[in-house]
Amino acid sequence: MFEKWFPNVDMEVLWNATYETIYMTIISLFIAFIIGVALGMLLFLTDKGNLWENKAINSLIAAVVNIFRSIPFIILIILLLGFTKFLVGTILGPIAALPALVIGSAPFYARLVEIALREVDKGVVEAAKSMGARTSTIIFKVYLPESMPALISGITVTAIALIGSTAIAGAIGAGGLGDLAYVEGYQSGNTDVTLAATVFILIIVFIIQLFGDLITNKIDKR
């Protein structure tokens, strides 16, 4: 049945492309999560009225985040070609896409982290302060646990956005399903290959959304 609808699809090539897409997504998401949480917390904590209020630092971080969030991903890849070559030794293949994927997604997630922290009930924070809780305790025992559902929801959104970015990166030499859809599909006139790659991308997105929603609902006590 599959061969009838997708006669030009090589299943081994399709699975390898799927693996490359998942590889790029997982590695870049992990690094972007760490950087995004750090940047998001700094954005929030250094803002007016918060624990580490510092206008200069807040403005600097906000500017960096806004700049990298505003650059279209395809342009970001081009701008980072030299840096990517220096960092990983090549500008082709899945590993070469990682710097742009991380730099493009970390600021995006940082804003989601900031928004999540802003939604934490101020009454809970004030209660912790009144009991003499230290700053580190308030951050790790109040802000992060209370914002966890929103943080998980944010990482789900970021992961799905990264899938789209890997497809763009793939179209210019990074490999993965985007490369398969463009090179083996579009450029070769094999519409079935493009369709198969698209279906696999959608399946990955649906799985990410499903697990993200399940985890968010499980830890959300509201």
N, C-alpha and C. Protein backbone atom coordinates (compact mmCIF):
# COMPACT_ATOMS: atom_id res chain seq x y z
N MET A 1 0.83 -1.21 0.00
CA MET A 1 0.00 0.00 0.00
C MET A 1 0.87 1.26 0.00
N PHE A 2 1.90 1.24 0.88
CA PHE A 2 2.79 2.40 0.98
C PHE A 2 3.53 2.62 -0.33
N GLU A 3 4.04 1.51 -0.91
CA GLU A 3 4.80 1.62 -2.16
C GLU A 3 3.92 2.10 -3.31
N LYS A 4 2.63 1.80 -3.23
CA LYS A 4 1.71 2.23 -4.27
C LYS A 4 1.55 3.74 -4.26
N TRP A 5 1.41 4.31 -3.05
CA TRP A 5 1.20 5.76 -2.92
C TRP A 5 2.51 6.54 -2.96
N PHE A 6 3.60 5.90 -2.54
CA PHE A 6 4.91 6.59 -2.48
C PHE A 6 5.96 5.75 -3.21
N PRO A 7 5.85 5.64 -4.52
CA PRO A 7 6.75 4.75 -5.28
C PRO A 7 8.22 5.19 -5.30
N ASN A 8 8.48 6.47 -5.11
CA ASN A 8 9.86 6.97 -5.18
C ASN A 8 10.52 7.11 -3.81
N VAL A 9 9.83 6.70 -2.77
CA VAL A 9 10.36 6.87 -1.41
C VAL A 9 11.21 5.66 -1.03
N ASP A 10 12.45 5.93 -0.65
CA ASP A 10 13.33 4.90 -0.10
C ASP A 10 13.18 4.95 1.42
N MET A 11 12.63 3.89 2.01
CA MET A 11 12.33 3.91 3.44
C MET A 11 13.58 4.10 4.30
N GLU A 12 14.70 3.53 3.88
CA GLU A 12 15.93 3.71 4.65
C GLU A 12 16.36 5.17 4.66
N VAL A 13 16.26 5.81 3.51
CA VAL A 13 16.59 7.23 3.42
C VAL A 13 15.61 8.06 4.25
N LEU A 14 14.34 7.70 4.21
CA LEU A 14 13.32 8.42 4.97
C LEU A 14 13.57 8.30 6.47
N TRP A 15 13.90 7.10 6.93
CA TRP A 15 14.17 6.92 8.36
C TRP A 15 15.44 7.64 8.78
N ASN A 16 16.47 7.63 7.93
CA ASN A 16 17.70 8.37 8.24
C ASN A 16 17.43 9.87 8.34
N ALA A 17 16.60 10.37 7.43
CA ALA A 17 16.24 11.80 7.46
C ALA A 17 15.44 12.13 8.71
N THR A 18 14.57 11.21 9.11
CA THR A 18 13.79 11.41 10.34
C THR A 18 14.71 11.44 11.55
N TYR A 19 15.67 10.52 11.58
CA TYR A 19 16.65 10.49 12.67
C TYR A 19 17.42 11.81 12.75
N GLU A 20 17.85 12.32 11.60
CA GLU A 20 18.60 13.58 11.58
C GLU A 20 17.76 14.74 12.10
N THR A 21 16.48 14.77 11.72
CA THR A 21 15.58 15.82 12.21
C THR A 21 15.41 15.74 13.71
N ILE A 22 15.19 14.53 14.23
CA ILE A 22 15.03 14.33 15.67
C ILE A 22 16.31 14.68 16.41
N TYR A 23 17.45 14.29 15.84
CA TYR A 23 18.75 14.60 16.43
C TYR A 23 18.94 16.11 16.56
N MET A 24 18.72 16.83 15.47
CA MET A 24 18.87 18.29 15.49
C MET A 24 17.93 18.93 16.50
N THR A 25 16.71 18.43 16.57
CA THR A 25 15.71 19.00 17.47
C THR A 25 16.06 18.77 18.93
N ILE A 26 16.41 17.53 19.28
CA ILE A 26 16.69 17.19 20.68
C ILE A 26 17.92 17.93 21.20
N ILE A 27 19.01 17.89 20.44
CA ILE A 27 20.25 18.54 20.89
C ILE A 27 20.06 20.05 21.03
N SER A 28 19.50 20.67 20.02
CA SER A 28 19.32 22.13 20.06
C SER A 28 18.30 22.52 21.12
N LEU A 29 17.26 21.71 21.31
CA LEU A 29 16.25 22.02 22.33
C LEU A 29 16.85 21.95 23.72
N PHE A 30 17.69 20.96 23.97
CA PHE A 30 18.32 20.81 25.28
C PHE A 30 19.18 22.03 25.61
N ILE A 31 20.01 22.43 24.66
CA ILE A 31 20.89 23.59 24.89
C ILE A 31 20.07 24.87 24.99
N ALA A 32 19.07 25.01 24.11
CA ALA A 32 18.22 26.21 24.13
C ALA A 32 17.43 26.30 25.42
N PHE A 33 17.04 25.16 25.97
CA PHE A 33 16.32 25.14 27.25
C PHE A 33 17.18 25.73 28.36
N ILE A 34 18.42 25.28 28.45
CA ILE A 34 19.32 25.77 29.50
C ILE A 34 19.57 27.27 29.35
N ILE A 35 19.93 27.68 28.13
CA ILE A 35 20.20 29.10 27.89
C ILE A 35 18.94 29.93 28.05
N GLY A 36 17.82 29.42 27.55
CA GLY A 36 16.55 30.15 27.62
C GLY A 36 16.08 30.37 29.04
N VAL A 37 16.20 29.34 29.88
CA VAL A 37 15.81 29.48 31.28
C VAL A 37 16.68 30.53 31.97
N ALA A 38 17.99 30.46 31.72
CA ALA A 38 18.90 31.43 32.33
C ALA A 38 18.58 32.86 31.89
N LEU A 39 18.42 33.05 30.59
CA LEU A 39 18.11 34.39 30.07
C LEU A 39 16.74 34.87 30.54
N GLY A 40 15.76 33.98 30.51
CA GLY A 40 14.40 34.34 30.93
C GLY A 40 14.34 34.74 32.40
N MET A 41 15.06 33.99 33.23
CA MET A 41 15.10 34.31 34.66
C MET A 41 15.78 35.65 34.89
N LEU A 42 16.87 35.89 34.17
CA LEU A 42 17.56 37.18 34.31
C LEU A 42 16.68 38.33 33.84
N LEU A 43 15.97 38.12 32.74
CA LEU A 43 15.05 39.15 32.25
C LEU A 43 14.01 39.49 33.30
N PHE A 44 13.48 38.48 33.93
CA PHE A 44 12.43 38.69 34.92
C PHE A 44 12.99 39.25 36.23
N LEU A 45 14.04 38.64 36.74
CA LEU A 45 14.55 39.01 38.06
C LEU A 45 15.20 40.39 38.08
N THR A 46 15.73 40.84 36.93
CA THR A 46 16.37 42.17 36.89
C THR A 46 15.39 43.27 36.50
N ASP A 47 14.15 42.89 36.24
CA ASP A 47 13.15 43.89 35.87
C ASP A 47 12.73 44.70 37.09
N LYS A 48 12.07 45.83 36.84
CA LYS A 48 11.67 46.74 37.91
C LYS A 48 10.78 46.04 38.95
N GLY A 49 11.16 46.19 40.22
CA GLY A 49 10.36 45.66 41.31
C GLY A 49 10.64 44.21 41.66
N ASN A 50 11.58 43.57 40.95
CA ASN A 50 11.87 42.16 41.23
C ASN A 50 13.15 42.00 42.04
N LEU A 51 13.52 40.76 42.32
CA LEU A 51 14.56 40.46 43.30
C LEU A 51 15.93 41.06 42.97
N TRP A 52 16.31 41.04 41.69
CA TRP A 52 17.63 41.54 41.30
C TRP A 52 17.50 42.78 40.42
N GLU A 53 16.63 43.67 40.74
CA GLU A 53 16.34 44.83 39.89
C GLU A 53 17.62 45.53 39.44
N ASN A 54 17.80 45.60 38.13
CA ASN A 54 18.98 46.25 37.55
C ASN A 54 18.63 46.67 36.13
N LYS A 55 18.35 47.92 35.95
CA LYS A 55 17.87 48.41 34.66
C LYS A 55 18.86 48.19 33.54
N ALA A 56 20.15 48.41 33.81
CA ALA A 56 21.18 48.29 32.77
C ALA A 56 21.28 46.86 32.25
N ILE A 57 21.37 45.91 33.18
CA ILE A 57 21.47 44.50 32.79
C ILE A 57 20.21 44.04 32.08
N ASN A 58 19.06 44.46 32.60
CA ASN A 58 17.78 44.08 32.01
C ASN A 58 17.67 44.60 30.58
N SER A 59 18.06 45.84 30.38
CA SER A 59 17.98 46.44 29.04
C SER A 59 18.92 45.75 28.07
N LEU A 60 20.12 45.39 28.54
CA LEU A 60 21.10 44.72 27.69
C LEU A 60 20.60 43.34 27.25
N ILE A 61 20.12 42.56 28.23
CA ILE A 61 19.62 41.21 27.91
C ILE A 61 18.41 41.29 27.00
N ALA A 62 17.51 42.23 27.30
CA ALA A 62 16.30 42.40 26.48
C ALA A 62 16.67 42.75 25.04
N ALA A 63 17.68 43.60 24.87
CA ALA A 63 18.11 43.99 23.52
C ALA A 63 18.65 42.80 22.75
N VAL A 64 19.49 42.00 23.41
CA VAL A 64 20.07 40.81 22.76
C VAL A 64 18.97 39.83 22.37
N VAL A 65 18.06 39.58 23.30
CA VAL A 65 16.95 38.65 23.04
C VAL A 65 16.09 39.15 21.88
N ASN A 66 15.76 40.42 21.89
CA ASN A 66 14.90 40.98 20.84
C ASN A 66 15.57 40.94 19.47
N ILE A 67 16.87 41.21 19.44
CA ILE A 67 17.60 41.20 18.17
C ILE A 67 17.56 39.81 17.54
N PHE A 68 17.93 38.80 18.32
CA PHE A 68 18.01 37.45 17.76
C PHE A 68 16.63 36.84 17.50
N ARG A 69 15.63 37.30 18.23
CA ARG A 69 14.27 36.84 17.96
C ARG A 69 13.73 37.42 16.66
N SER A 70 14.26 38.57 16.28
CA SER A 70 13.72 39.29 15.12
C SER A 70 14.35 38.88 13.80
N ILE A 71 15.48 38.19 13.85
CA ILE A 71 16.17 37.81 12.61
C ILE A 71 15.52 36.56 12.02
N PRO A 72 15.05 36.63 10.78
CA PRO A 72 14.50 35.43 10.13
C PRO A 72 15.52 34.29 10.14
N PHE A 73 15.05 33.07 10.35
CA PHE A 73 15.97 31.95 10.57
C PHE A 73 16.90 31.71 9.39
N ILE A 74 16.39 31.83 8.19
CA ILE A 74 17.22 31.59 7.01
C ILE A 74 18.37 32.60 6.94
N ILE A 75 18.10 33.84 7.34
CA ILE A 75 19.14 34.87 7.36
C ILE A 75 20.12 34.60 8.50
N LEU A 76 19.60 34.14 9.64
CA LEU A 76 20.46 33.82 10.78
C LEU A 76 21.47 32.73 10.41
N ILE A 77 21.01 31.73 9.67
CA ILE A 77 21.92 30.67 9.23
C ILE A 77 23.06 31.25 8.40
N ILE A 78 22.72 32.13 7.48
CA ILE A 78 23.73 32.75 6.61
C ILE A 78 24.71 33.60 7.42
N LEU A 79 24.17 34.39 8.36
CA LEU A 79 25.02 35.24 9.19
C LEU A 79 25.99 34.43 10.04
N LEU A 80 25.58 33.22 10.41
CA LEU A 80 26.39 32.40 11.32
C LEU A 80 27.29 31.39 10.60
N LEU A 81 27.37 31.48 9.28
CA LEU A 81 28.16 30.50 8.53
C LEU A 81 29.62 30.47 9.00
N GLY A 82 30.21 31.64 9.15
CA GLY A 82 31.60 31.70 9.60
C GLY A 82 31.77 31.15 11.00
N PHE A 83 30.88 31.53 11.90
CA PHE A 83 30.93 31.04 13.27
C PHE A 83 30.72 29.53 13.31
N THR A 84 29.77 29.05 12.50
CA THR A 84 29.49 27.61 12.46
C THR A 84 30.70 26.83 11.96
N LYS A 85 31.34 27.34 10.90
CA LYS A 85 32.54 26.70 10.35
C LYS A 85 33.64 26.64 11.40
N PHE A 86 33.81 27.72 12.15
CA PHE A 86 34.83 27.77 13.20
C PHE A 86 34.50 26.81 14.34
N LEU A 87 33.22 26.74 14.70
CA LEU A 87 32.80 25.96 15.87
C LEU A 87 32.79 24.46 15.61
N VAL A 88 32.21 24.04 14.49
CA VAL A 88 32.04 22.60 14.25
C VAL A 88 32.85 22.09 13.06
N GLY A 89 33.51 23.00 12.33
CA GLY A 89 34.39 22.58 11.25
C GLY A 89 33.72 22.33 9.92
N THR A 90 32.42 22.58 9.82
CA THR A 90 31.70 22.38 8.57
C THR A 90 30.44 23.24 8.55
N ILE A 91 29.92 23.48 7.34
CA ILE A 91 28.66 24.22 7.23
C ILE A 91 27.57 23.33 6.63
N LEU A 92 27.86 22.03 6.54
CA LEU A 92 26.89 21.08 6.01
C LEU A 92 26.61 19.98 7.03
N GLY A 93 25.42 19.40 6.95
CA GLY A 93 25.07 18.30 7.83
C GLY A 93 24.32 18.75 9.08
N PRO A 94 23.73 17.80 9.80
CA PRO A 94 22.92 18.12 10.98
C PRO A 94 23.68 18.90 12.06
N ILE A 95 24.94 18.54 12.29
CA ILE A 95 25.70 19.21 13.35
C ILE A 95 25.93 20.69 13.02
N ALA A 96 26.02 21.01 11.73
CA ALA A 96 26.25 22.40 11.32
C ALA A 96 25.02 23.27 11.55
N ALA A 97 23.86 22.65 11.67
CA ALA A 97 22.63 23.42 11.90
C ALA A 97 22.46 23.80 13.37
N LEU A 98 23.16 23.11 14.26
CA LEU A 98 22.93 23.30 15.70
C LEU A 98 23.17 24.73 16.19
N PRO A 99 24.29 25.40 15.83
CA PRO A 99 24.49 26.76 16.33
C PRO A 99 23.34 27.70 15.99
N ALA A 100 22.89 27.68 14.74
CA ALA A 100 21.79 28.56 14.34
C ALA A 100 20.48 28.17 15.03
N LEU A 101 20.24 26.87 15.17
CA LEU A 101 19.02 26.41 15.84
C LEU A 101 18.99 26.86 17.29
N VAL A 102 20.12 26.74 17.97
CA VAL A 102 20.19 27.15 19.38
C VAL A 102 20.05 28.66 19.52
N ILE A 103 20.83 29.40 18.73
CA ILE A 103 20.81 30.86 18.82
C ILE A 103 19.45 31.42 18.40
N GLY A 104 18.78 30.73 17.50
CA GLY A 104 17.47 31.19 17.07
C GLY A 104 16.35 30.87 18.05
N SER A 105 16.48 29.75 18.77
CA SER A 105 15.39 29.31 19.64
C SER A 105 15.55 29.71 21.10
N ALA A 106 16.78 29.86 21.59
CA ALA A 106 16.99 30.22 22.99
C ALA A 106 16.35 31.56 23.37
N PRO A 107 16.51 32.62 22.57
CA PRO A 107 15.85 33.89 22.91
C PRO A 107 14.32 33.78 22.88
N PHE A 108 13.81 32.98 21.94
CA PHE A 108 12.37 32.75 21.86
C PHE A 108 11.86 32.12 23.15
N TYR A 109 12.57 31.08 23.60
CA TYR A 109 12.15 30.41 24.84
C TYR A 109 12.37 31.31 26.05
N ALA A 110 13.40 32.14 26.01
CA ALA A 110 13.67 33.06 27.12
C ALA A 110 12.47 33.96 27.39
N ARG A 111 11.85 34.46 26.34
CA ARG A 111 10.66 35.30 26.50
C ARG A 111 9.50 34.51 27.09
N LEU A 112 9.37 33.26 26.69
CA LEU A 112 8.31 32.42 27.25
C LEU A 112 8.55 32.15 28.73
N VAL A 113 9.82 31.99 29.10
CA VAL A 113 10.17 31.80 30.51
C VAL A 113 9.83 33.06 31.30
N GLU A 114 10.19 34.20 30.76
CA GLU A 114 9.88 35.47 31.43
C GLU A 114 8.37 35.62 31.65
N ILE A 115 7.59 35.31 30.63
CA ILE A 115 6.13 35.41 30.74
C ILE A 115 5.61 34.44 31.79
N ALA A 116 6.16 33.23 31.81
CA ALA A 116 5.73 32.22 32.78
C ALA A 116 6.00 32.68 34.21
N LEU A 117 7.15 33.29 34.44
CA LEU A 117 7.51 33.77 35.78
C LEU A 117 6.63 34.93 36.20
N ARG A 118 6.23 35.75 35.26
CA ARG A 118 5.35 36.88 35.57
C ARG A 118 3.97 36.42 36.03
N GLU A 119 3.58 35.22 35.63
CA GLU A 119 2.26 34.70 35.98
C GLU A 119 2.20 34.09 37.37
N VAL A 120 3.35 33.95 38.02
CA VAL A 120 3.38 33.39 39.38
C VAL A 120 2.67 34.33 40.34
N ASP A 121 1.83 33.78 41.18
CA ASP A 121 1.05 34.56 42.15
C ASP A 121 1.99 35.34 43.08
N LYS A 122 1.87 36.65 43.06
CA LYS A 122 2.74 37.49 43.90
C LYS A 122 2.51 37.22 45.38
N GLY A 123 1.30 36.78 45.73
CA GLY A 123 1.01 36.48 47.12
C GLY A 123 1.87 35.35 47.65
N VAL A 124 2.12 34.35 46.81
CA VAL A 124 2.97 33.23 47.21
C VAL A 124 4.40 33.71 47.43
N VAL A 125 4.86 34.59 46.56
CA VAL A 125 6.22 35.14 46.69
C VAL A 125 6.34 35.97 47.95
N GLU A 126 5.36 36.82 48.22
CA GLU A 126 5.38 37.65 49.42
C GLU A 126 5.33 36.81 50.68
N ALA A 127 4.58 35.72 50.64
CA ALA A 127 4.50 34.82 51.80
C ALA A 127 5.87 34.20 52.09
N ALA A 128 6.57 33.82 51.02
CA ALA A 128 7.91 33.25 51.19
C ALA A 128 8.87 34.29 51.76
N LYS A 129 8.76 35.54 51.27
CA LYS A 129 9.62 36.61 51.79
C LYS A 129 9.34 36.87 53.26
N SER A 130 8.07 36.86 53.64
CA SER A 130 7.69 37.16 55.03
C SER A 130 8.20 36.09 55.99
N MET A 131 8.44 34.90 55.48
CA MET A 131 8.97 33.81 56.31
C MET A 131 10.50 33.79 56.31
N GLY A 132 11.09 34.81 55.70
CA GLY A 132 12.54 34.94 55.71
C GLY A 132 13.28 34.09 54.68
N ALA A 133 12.59 33.68 53.64
CA ALA A 133 13.23 32.85 52.61
C ALA A 133 14.30 33.64 51.87
N ARG A 134 15.41 32.98 51.60
CA ARG A 134 16.48 33.62 50.85
C ARG A 134 16.11 33.75 49.38
N THR A 135 16.86 34.58 48.67
CA THR A 135 16.58 34.80 47.25
C THR A 135 16.63 33.49 46.47
N SER A 136 17.67 32.68 46.72
CA SER A 136 17.80 31.41 46.01
C SER A 136 16.62 30.48 46.30
N THR A 137 16.13 30.52 47.54
CA THR A 137 14.99 29.69 47.91
C THR A 137 13.73 30.14 47.18
N ILE A 138 13.54 31.45 47.09
CA ILE A 138 12.37 31.99 46.39
C ILE A 138 12.41 31.60 44.91
N ILE A 139 13.60 31.65 44.33
CA ILE A 139 13.73 31.32 42.91
C ILE A 139 13.46 29.84 42.66
N PHE A 140 14.14 28.98 43.42
CA PHE A 140 14.08 27.54 43.14
C PHE A 140 12.95 26.81 43.84
N LYS A 141 12.38 27.41 44.88
CA LYS A 141 11.29 26.74 45.60
C LYS A 141 9.93 27.38 45.36
N VAL A 142 9.94 28.58 44.79
CA VAL A 142 8.66 29.27 44.54
C VAL A 142 8.48 29.53 43.04
N TYR A 143 9.33 30.37 42.47
CA TYR A 143 9.14 30.77 41.08
C TYR A 143 9.15 29.60 40.10
N LEU A 144 10.20 28.77 40.16
CA LEU A 144 10.31 27.68 39.19
C LEU A 144 9.21 26.62 39.35
N PRO A 145 8.95 26.14 40.58
CA PRO A 145 7.86 25.15 40.71
C PRO A 145 6.50 25.71 40.31
N GLU A 146 6.22 26.96 40.70
CA GLU A 146 4.91 27.55 40.41
C GLU A 146 4.72 27.81 38.91
N SER A 147 5.81 28.05 38.21
CA SER A 147 5.72 28.35 36.78
C SER A 147 5.95 27.12 35.90
N MET A 148 6.16 25.96 36.51
CA MET A 148 6.53 24.77 35.75
C MET A 148 5.55 24.40 34.63
N PRO A 149 4.23 24.42 34.87
CA PRO A 149 3.31 24.10 33.75
C PRO A 149 3.52 25.01 32.54
N ALA A 150 3.69 26.30 32.79
CA ALA A 150 3.91 27.25 31.68
C ALA A 150 5.27 27.02 31.03
N LEU A 151 6.26 26.63 31.83
CA LEU A 151 7.59 26.36 31.28
C LEU A 151 7.56 25.13 30.36
N ILE A 152 6.83 24.10 30.78
CA ILE A 152 6.70 22.89 29.96
C ILE A 152 5.93 23.20 28.68
N SER A 153 4.87 23.98 28.83
CA SER A 153 4.09 24.39 27.66
C SER A 153 4.96 25.19 26.69
N GLY A 154 5.81 26.04 27.25
CA GLY A 154 6.72 26.85 26.44
C GLY A 154 7.75 26.02 25.71
N ILE A 155 8.28 25.00 26.38
CA ILE A 155 9.28 24.15 25.72
C ILE A 155 8.63 23.31 24.63
N THR A 156 7.35 22.99 24.80
CA THR A 156 6.62 22.27 23.75
C THR A 156 6.49 23.15 22.51
N VAL A 157 6.10 24.40 22.72
CA VAL A 157 5.98 25.35 21.61
C VAL A 157 7.33 25.54 20.92
N THR A 158 8.39 25.65 21.73
CA THR A 158 9.73 25.84 21.18
C THR A 158 10.17 24.63 20.36
N ALA A 159 9.88 23.43 20.87
CA ALA A 159 10.24 22.21 20.15
C ALA A 159 9.56 22.14 18.79
N ILE A 160 8.29 22.50 18.76
CA ILE A 160 7.55 22.48 17.49
C ILE A 160 8.11 23.53 16.52
N ALA A 161 8.45 24.70 17.06
CA ALA A 161 9.08 25.73 16.22
C ALA A 161 10.42 25.24 15.67
N LEU A 162 11.15 24.48 16.49
CA LEU A 162 12.44 23.95 16.05
C LEU A 162 12.29 22.95 14.91
N ILE A 163 11.22 22.17 14.94
CA ILE A 163 10.97 21.24 13.84
C ILE A 163 10.88 22.00 12.52
N GLY A 164 10.15 23.11 12.54
CA GLY A 164 10.06 23.95 11.35
C GLY A 164 11.40 24.52 10.94
N SER A 165 12.19 24.91 11.93
CA SER A 165 13.51 25.47 11.64
C SER A 165 14.45 24.42 11.06
N THR A 166 14.36 23.17 11.55
CA THR A 166 15.21 22.11 10.99
C THR A 166 14.86 21.85 9.53
N ALA A 167 13.58 22.01 9.20
CA ALA A 167 13.16 21.83 7.80
C ALA A 167 13.78 22.90 6.91
N ILE A 168 13.81 24.14 7.42
CA ILE A 168 14.44 25.23 6.66
C ILE A 168 15.93 24.98 6.52
N ALA A 169 16.57 24.58 7.64
CA ALA A 169 18.00 24.30 7.61
C ALA A 169 18.31 23.15 6.66
N GLY A 170 17.43 22.15 6.66
CA GLY A 170 17.62 21.00 5.78
C GLY A 170 17.60 21.37 4.32
N ALA A 171 16.80 22.35 3.98
CA ALA A 171 16.68 22.76 2.58
C ALA A 171 17.96 23.42 2.05
N ILE A 172 18.86 23.81 2.96
CA ILE A 172 20.12 24.43 2.51
C ILE A 172 21.33 23.62 2.98
N GLY A 173 21.12 22.31 3.15
CA GLY A 173 22.27 21.44 3.35
C GLY A 173 22.46 20.82 4.71
N ALA A 174 21.50 20.99 5.63
CA ALA A 174 21.68 20.45 6.98
C ALA A 174 21.21 19.00 7.11
N GLY A 175 20.58 18.48 6.08
CA GLY A 175 20.05 17.13 6.16
C GLY A 175 18.67 17.11 6.81
N GLY A 176 18.19 15.92 7.12
CA GLY A 176 16.89 15.80 7.76
C GLY A 176 15.75 15.76 6.76
N LEU A 177 14.55 15.83 7.28
CA LEU A 177 13.36 15.73 6.44
C LEU A 177 13.19 16.92 5.51
N GLY A 178 13.66 18.09 5.94
CA GLY A 178 13.60 19.26 5.07
C GLY A 178 14.46 19.08 3.83
N ASP A 179 15.65 18.53 4.03
CA ASP A 179 16.55 18.25 2.91
C ASP A 179 15.93 17.21 1.98
N LEU A 180 15.35 16.17 2.56
CA LEU A 180 14.72 15.12 1.77
C LEU A 180 13.56 15.68 0.94
N ALA A 181 12.72 16.49 1.58
CA ALA A 181 11.56 17.06 0.89
C ALA A 181 11.98 17.97 -0.26
N TYR A 182 13.05 18.72 -0.06
CA TYR A 182 13.47 19.70 -1.07
C TYR A 182 14.32 19.07 -2.18
N VAL A 183 15.37 18.34 -1.78
CA VAL A 183 16.31 17.81 -2.77
C VAL A 183 15.74 16.58 -3.49
N GLU A 184 15.36 15.57 -2.70
CA GLU A 184 14.86 14.33 -3.30
C GLU A 184 13.42 14.46 -3.78
N GLY A 185 12.71 15.43 -3.20
CA GLY A 185 11.32 15.62 -3.58
C GLY A 185 11.13 16.70 -4.62
N TYR A 186 11.19 17.95 -4.18
CA TYR A 186 10.88 19.08 -5.06
C TYR A 186 11.83 19.18 -6.25
N GLN A 187 13.14 19.20 -5.98
CA GLN A 187 14.11 19.38 -7.06
C GLN A 187 14.12 18.21 -8.05
N SER A 188 13.79 17.03 -7.57
CA SER A 188 13.79 15.84 -8.43
C SER A 188 12.43 15.56 -9.05
N GLY A 189 11.45 16.39 -8.72
CA GLY A 189 10.12 16.21 -9.28
C GLY A 189 9.35 15.05 -8.68
N ASN A 190 9.77 14.59 -7.50
CA ASN A 190 9.09 13.48 -6.83
C ASN A 190 8.16 14.01 -5.75
N THR A 191 6.95 14.31 -6.14
CA THR A 191 5.97 14.88 -5.20
C THR A 191 5.69 13.94 -4.04
N ASP A 192 5.74 12.64 -4.30
CA ASP A 192 5.45 11.67 -3.24
C ASP A 192 6.51 11.70 -2.14
N VAL A 193 7.75 11.99 -2.51
CA VAL A 193 8.82 12.09 -1.51
C VAL A 193 8.59 13.31 -0.62
N THR A 194 8.24 14.43 -1.24
CA THR A 194 7.92 15.64 -0.47
C THR A 194 6.75 15.40 0.46
N LEU A 195 5.73 14.71 -0.04
CA LEU A 195 4.55 14.42 0.77
C LEU A 195 4.89 13.50 1.94
N ALA A 196 5.70 12.48 1.69
CA ALA A 196 6.09 11.55 2.75
C ALA A 196 6.89 12.26 3.84
N ALA A 197 7.82 13.12 3.43
CA ALA A 197 8.61 13.89 4.41
C ALA A 197 7.71 14.81 5.22
N THR A 198 6.74 15.42 4.56
CA THR A 198 5.79 16.30 5.25
C THR A 198 4.96 15.54 6.27
N VAL A 199 4.50 14.35 5.88
CA VAL A 199 3.71 13.52 6.80
C VAL A 199 4.53 13.15 8.03
N PHE A 200 5.79 12.80 7.84
CA PHE A 200 6.64 12.43 8.97
C PHE A 200 6.90 13.64 9.87
N ILE A 201 7.06 14.81 9.28
CA ILE A 201 7.22 16.02 10.09
C ILE A 201 5.98 16.26 10.93
N LEU A 202 4.81 16.11 10.32
CA LEU A 202 3.55 16.31 11.05
C LEU A 202 3.40 15.30 12.18
N ILE A 203 3.80 14.05 11.93
CA ILE A 203 3.72 13.03 12.98
C ILE A 203 4.60 13.41 14.17
N ILE A 204 5.81 13.87 13.89
CA ILE A 204 6.72 14.30 14.97
C ILE A 204 6.10 15.44 15.76
N VAL A 205 5.52 16.41 15.05
CA VAL A 205 4.89 17.56 15.71
C VAL A 205 3.73 17.10 16.59
N PHE A 206 2.89 16.21 16.08
CA PHE A 206 1.75 15.72 16.85
C PHE A 206 2.20 14.99 18.11
N ILE A 207 3.27 14.20 17.99
CA ILE A 207 3.79 13.47 19.15
C ILE A 207 4.32 14.44 20.20
N ILE A 208 5.08 15.44 19.76
CA ILE A 208 5.60 16.44 20.70
C ILE A 208 4.47 17.16 21.41
N GLN A 209 3.45 17.58 20.65
CA GLN A 209 2.32 18.28 21.24
C GLN A 209 1.57 17.40 22.23
N LEU A 210 1.38 16.13 21.87
CA LEU A 210 0.67 15.20 22.74
C LEU A 210 1.38 15.02 24.07
N PHE A 211 2.68 14.73 24.02
CA PHE A 211 3.43 14.53 25.25
C PHE A 211 3.57 15.82 26.05
N GLY A 212 3.73 16.94 25.35
CA GLY A 212 3.80 18.23 26.04
C GLY A 212 2.53 18.53 26.80
N ASP A 213 1.38 18.28 26.17
CA ASP A 213 0.10 18.52 26.83
C ASP A 213 -0.11 17.57 28.01
N LEU A 214 0.29 16.30 27.84
CA LEU A 214 0.13 15.32 28.92
C LEU A 214 0.95 15.72 30.15
N ILE A 215 2.19 16.12 29.91
CA ILE A 215 3.06 16.51 31.03
C ILE A 215 2.55 17.78 31.69
N THR A 216 2.15 18.76 30.88
CA THR A 216 1.63 20.02 31.42
C THR A 216 0.40 19.78 32.28
N ASN A 217 -0.53 18.97 31.79
CA ASN A 217 -1.76 18.69 32.54
C ASN A 217 -1.48 17.91 33.82
N LYS A 218 -0.46 17.06 33.77
CA LYS A 218 -0.13 16.24 34.95
C LYS A 218 0.44 17.07 36.08
N ILE A 219 1.27 18.06 35.74
CA ILE A 219 1.93 18.84 36.80
C ILE A 219 1.17 20.11 37.16
N ASP A 220 0.14 20.45 36.37
CA ASP A 220 -0.65 21.65 36.66
C ASP A 220 -1.66 21.33 37.76
N LYS A 221 -1.46 21.93 38.93
CA LYS A 221 -2.31 21.65 40.09
C LYS A 221 -3.48 22.61 40.21
N ARG A 222 -3.57 23.56 39.27
CA ARG A 222 -4.65 24.55 39.38
C ARG A 222 -5.99 23.93 39.03
